[in-house]
Amino acid sequence: MPLTPTADVVSSACGDGRAVGAFNVITLEHAEAVVTGAEAAGCPVICQISENAVRFHGSRLAPIALATAALAEAAAVPVALHLDHVTDEELLRRAADCGFGSVMFDASALPHTENVAATRAAAQWAHARGPWV
């Protein structure tokens, strides 16, 4: 099954009146466990990789993201990929190339006006490329 956009997973769940689990992925073994559990339950799932997890991998996003996406493509249930708690705008830009269907952009450390402006800019950039913010 191909990597499923987060929008599709969430919309389907909403239409069915159910929730969707979103689980943090730090290593490939975490992703394997999440996908295996979702398959056993027969439920769609969201694998989320945080900015901290990317730092754990030497600030390399592609290896963990593409490995998780490969697991999603081999899964028997819909699997979405979410980039969580991103503060780095460069990381946000790399997300679109790695198959992420959604991103949580976190500008909360900035003063309110700057937070709103940065979040608006991140959302506009991402929406032009497909991921939810």
C-alpha atoms as a PDB file:
ATOM      1  CA  MET A   1       0.000   0.000   0.000  1.00  0.00           C
ATOM      2  CA  PRO A   2       1.523   3.384  -0.849  1.00  0.00           C
ATOM      3  CA  LEU A   3       2.426   5.943   1.792  1.00  0.00           C
ATOM      4  CA  THR A   4      -0.919   7.576   2.606  1.00  0.00           C
ATOM      5  CA  PRO A   5      -1.290  11.355   2.991  1.00  0.00           C
ATOM      6  CA  THR A   6      -2.106  12.351   6.555  1.00  0.00           C
ATOM      7  CA  ALA A   7      -5.170  14.203   5.250  1.00  0.00           C
ATOM      8  CA  ASP A   8      -6.581  10.946   3.863  1.00  0.00           C
ATOM      9  CA  VAL A   9      -5.952   9.000   7.074  1.00  0.00           C
ATOM     10  CA  VAL A  10      -7.521  11.694   9.255  1.00  0.00           C
ATOM     11  CA  SER A  11     -10.471  12.341   6.912  1.00  0.00           C
ATOM     12  CA  SER A  12     -11.287   8.641   6.747  1.00  0.00           C
ATOM     13  CA  ALA A  13     -11.132   8.318  10.525  1.00  0.00           C
ATOM     14  CA  CYS A  14     -13.300  11.384  10.994  1.00  0.00           C
ATOM     15  CA  GLY A  15     -15.884  10.029   8.556  1.00  0.00           C
ATOM     16  CA  ASP A  16     -15.923   6.713  10.443  1.00  0.00           C
ATOM     17  CA  GLY A  17     -16.152   8.410  13.861  1.00  0.00           C
ATOM     18  CA  ARG A  18     -12.859   6.963  15.112  1.00  0.00           C
ATOM     19  CA  ALA A  19      -9.437   8.168  16.147  1.00  0.00           C
ATOM     20  CA  VAL A  20      -6.057   7.535  14.531  1.00  0.00           C
ATOM     21  CA  GLY A  21      -3.004   6.677  16.604  1.00  0.00           C
ATOM     22  CA  ALA A  22       0.128   8.717  15.996  1.00  0.00           C
ATOM     23  CA  PHE A  23       3.317   7.201  17.374  1.00  0.00           C
ATOM     24  CA  ASN A  24       6.841   8.558  17.626  1.00  0.00           C
ATOM     25  CA  VAL A  25       9.504   6.885  15.528  1.00  0.00           C
ATOM     26  CA  ILE A  26      13.097   7.281  16.662  1.00  0.00           C
ATOM     27  CA  THR A  27      14.692   4.258  15.020  1.00  0.00           C
ATOM     28  CA  LEU A  28      13.665   1.878  12.270  1.00  0.00           C
ATOM     29  CA  GLU A  29      12.742  -0.683  14.921  1.00  0.00           C
ATOM     30  CA  HIS A  30      10.182   1.761  16.340  1.00  0.00           C
ATOM     31  CA  ALA A  31       8.658   2.218  12.883  1.00  0.00           C
ATOM     32  CA  GLU A  32       8.530  -1.552  12.372  1.00  0.00           C
ATOM     33  CA  ALA A  33       6.764  -2.010  15.710  1.00  0.00           C
ATOM     34  CA  VAL A  34       4.235   0.750  14.995  1.00  0.00           C
ATOM     35  CA  VAL A  35       3.389  -0.616  11.551  1.00  0.00           C
ATOM     36  CA  THR A  36       3.241  -4.217  12.789  1.00  0.00           C
ATOM     37  CA  GLY A  37       0.886  -3.159  15.595  1.00  0.00           C
ATOM     38  CA  ALA A  38      -1.331  -1.227  13.189  1.00  0.00           C
ATOM     39  CA  GLU A  39      -1.504  -4.226  10.867  1.00  0.00           C
ATOM     40  CA  ALA A  40      -2.388  -6.537  13.784  1.00  0.00           C
ATOM     41  CA  ALA A  41      -5.170  -4.135  14.797  1.00  0.00           C
ATOM     42  CA  GLY A  42      -6.271  -3.607  11.194  1.00  0.00           C
ATOM     43  CA  CYS A  43      -6.117   0.160  11.696  1.00  0.00           C
ATOM     44  CA  PRO A  44      -4.453   3.048   9.859  1.00  0.00           C
ATOM     45  CA  VAL A  45      -1.638   4.758  11.724  1.00  0.00           C
ATOM     46  CA  ILE A  46       0.521   7.878  11.665  1.00  0.00           C
ATOM     47  CA  CYS A  47       4.271   7.472  12.161  1.00  0.00           C
ATOM     48  CA  GLN A  48       5.693  10.716  13.472  1.00  0.00           C
ATOM     49  CA  ILE A  49       9.331  11.696  13.453  1.00  0.00           C
ATOM     50  CA  SER A  50      10.284  14.634  15.652  1.00  0.00           C
ATOM     51  CA  GLU A  51      12.983  17.219  15.163  1.00  0.00           C
ATOM     52  CA  ASN A  52      14.690  15.650  18.198  1.00  0.00           C
ATOM     53  CA  ALA A  53      14.706  12.255  16.467  1.00  0.00           C
ATOM     54  CA  VAL A  54      16.254  13.870  13.386  1.00  0.00           C
ATOM     55  CA  ARG A  55      18.984  15.353  15.618  1.00  0.00           C
ATOM     56  CA  PHE A  56      19.504  11.862  17.090  1.00  0.00           C
ATOM     57  CA  HIS A  57      20.242  10.735  13.521  1.00  0.00           C
ATOM     58  CA  GLY A  58      22.922  13.385  13.025  1.00  0.00           C
ATOM     59  CA  SER A  59      20.416  15.880  11.583  1.00  0.00           C
ATOM     60  CA  ARG A  60      19.855  13.553   8.615  1.00  0.00           C
ATOM     61  CA  LEU A  61      16.140  13.401   7.892  1.00  0.00           C
ATOM     62  CA  ALA A  62      16.068  11.316   4.727  1.00  0.00           C
ATOM     63  CA  PRO A  63      17.388   7.978   6.053  1.00  0.00           C
ATOM     64  CA  ILE A  64      14.813   7.555   8.844  1.00  0.00           C
ATOM     65  CA  ALA A  65      12.009   9.161   6.821  1.00  0.00           C
ATOM     66  CA  LEU A  66      12.600   7.101   3.679  1.00  0.00           C
ATOM     67  CA  ALA A  67      12.993   3.888   5.690  1.00  0.00           C
ATOM     68  CA  THR A  68       9.698   4.587   7.457  1.00  0.00           C
ATOM     69  CA  ALA A  69       8.060   5.418   4.116  1.00  0.00           C
ATOM     70  CA  ALA A  70       9.317   2.087   2.723  1.00  0.00           C
ATOM     71  CA  LEU A  71       7.661   0.280   5.638  1.00  0.00           C
ATOM     72  CA  ALA A  72       4.458   2.193   4.910  1.00  0.00           C
ATOM     73  CA  GLU A  73       4.535   1.084   1.290  1.00  0.00           C
ATOM     74  CA  ALA A  74       4.837  -2.550   2.361  1.00  0.00           C
ATOM     75  CA  ALA A  75       2.105  -2.257   5.014  1.00  0.00           C
ATOM     76  CA  ALA A  76      -1.304  -3.877   4.781  1.00  0.00           C
ATOM     77  CA  VAL A  77      -2.944  -0.776   6.331  1.00  0.00           C
ATOM     78  CA  PRO A  78      -2.713   2.934   5.474  1.00  0.00           C
ATOM     79  CA  VAL A  79       0.353   4.571   7.060  1.00  0.00           C
ATOM     80  CA  ALA A  80       0.964   8.322   7.068  1.00  0.00           C
ATOM     81  CA  LEU A  81       4.206  10.144   7.853  1.00  0.00           C
ATOM     82  CA  HIS A  82       4.216  13.232  10.109  1.00  0.00           C
ATOM     83  CA  LEU A  83       7.160  15.498  11.010  1.00  0.00           C
ATOM     84  CA  ASP A  84       6.591  16.630  14.591  1.00  0.00           C
ATOM     85  CA  HIS A  85       7.617  19.753  16.529  1.00  0.00           C
ATOM     86  CA  VAL A  86       9.715  21.356  13.807  1.00  0.00           C
ATOM     87  CA  THR A  87      11.370  24.627  14.772  1.00  0.00           C
ATOM     88  CA  ASP A  88      13.966  24.610  11.985  1.00  0.00           C
ATOM     89  CA  GLU A  89      12.612  26.065   8.730  1.00  0.00           C
ATOM     90  CA  GLU A  90      15.260  24.201   6.705  1.00  0.00           C
ATOM     91  CA  LEU A  91      14.045  20.910   8.174  1.00  0.00           C
ATOM     92  CA  LEU A  92      10.490  21.876   7.233  1.00  0.00           C
ATOM     93  CA  ARG A  93      11.623  22.377   3.644  1.00  0.00           C
ATOM     94  CA  ARG A  94      13.336  18.970   3.536  1.00  0.00           C
ATOM     95  CA  ALA A  95      10.134  17.297   4.770  1.00  0.00           C
ATOM     96  CA  ALA A  96       8.294  17.786   1.496  1.00  0.00           C
ATOM     97  CA  ASP A  97      10.972  15.807  -0.356  1.00  0.00           C
ATOM     98  CA  CYS A  98      10.730  12.860   2.061  1.00  0.00           C
ATOM     99  CA  GLY A  99       7.024  12.077   1.734  1.00  0.00           C
ATOM    100  CA  PHE A 100       5.676  13.717   4.883  1.00  0.00           C
ATOM    101  CA  GLY A 101       1.929  14.276   4.669  1.00  0.00           C
ATOM    102  CA  SER A 102       1.914  16.674   7.604  1.00  0.00           C
ATOM    103  CA  VAL A 103       4.197  18.818   9.720  1.00  0.00           C
ATOM    104  CA  MET A 104       3.719  20.395  13.144  1.00  0.00           C
ATOM    105  CA  PHE A 105       5.630  23.672  12.935  1.00  0.00           C
ATOM    106  CA  ASP A 106       6.550  24.965  16.398  1.00  0.00           C
ATOM    107  CA  ALA A 107       7.455  28.637  16.675  1.00  0.00           C
ATOM    108  CA  SER A 108       6.318  28.839  20.301  1.00  0.00           C
ATOM    109  CA  ALA A 109       9.732  30.021  21.538  1.00  0.00           C
ATOM    110  CA  LEU A 110       9.275  33.255  19.566  1.00  0.00           C
ATOM    111  CA  PRO A 111       7.337  36.286  20.773  1.00  0.00           C
ATOM    112  CA  HIS A 112       3.675  36.031  19.776  1.00  0.00           C
ATOM    113  CA  THR A 113       3.811  38.278  16.687  1.00  0.00           C
ATOM    114  CA  GLU A 114       6.896  36.533  15.345  1.00  0.00           C
ATOM    115  CA  ASN A 115       5.359  33.147  16.163  1.00  0.00           C
ATOM    116  CA  VAL A 116       2.249  33.994  14.134  1.00  0.00           C
ATOM    117  CA  ALA A 117       4.310  35.336  11.217  1.00  0.00           C
ATOM    118  CA  ALA A 118       6.674  32.344  11.164  1.00  0.00           C
ATOM    119  CA  THR A 119       3.805  29.866  11.432  1.00  0.00           C
ATOM    120  CA  ARG A 120       1.896  31.651   8.665  1.00  0.00           C
ATOM    121  CA  ALA A 121       4.967  31.548   6.395  1.00  0.00           C
ATOM    122  CA  ALA A 122       5.577  27.857   7.181  1.00  0.00           C
ATOM    123  CA  ALA A 123       1.930  26.994   6.489  1.00  0.00           C
ATOM    124  CA  GLN A 124       1.894  28.903   3.202  1.00  0.00           C
ATOM    125  CA  TRP A 125       5.110  27.218   2.094  1.00  0.00           C
ATOM    126  CA  ALA A 126       3.893  23.726   3.047  1.00  0.00           C
ATOM    127  CA  HIS A 127       0.392  24.113   1.647  1.00  0.00           C
ATOM    128  CA  ALA A 128       1.855  25.009  -1.736  1.00  0.00           C
ATOM    129  CA  ARG A 129       3.637  21.638  -1.654  1.00  0.00           C
ATOM    130  CA  GLY A 130       0.941  19.421  -0.145  1.00  0.00           C
ATOM    131  CA  PRO A 131       1.657  18.661   3.536  1.00  0.00           C
ATOM    132  CA  TRP A 132      -0.781  19.709   6.228  1.00  0.00           C
ATOM    133  CA  VAL A 133       0.566  22.068   8.875  1.00  0.00           C
END
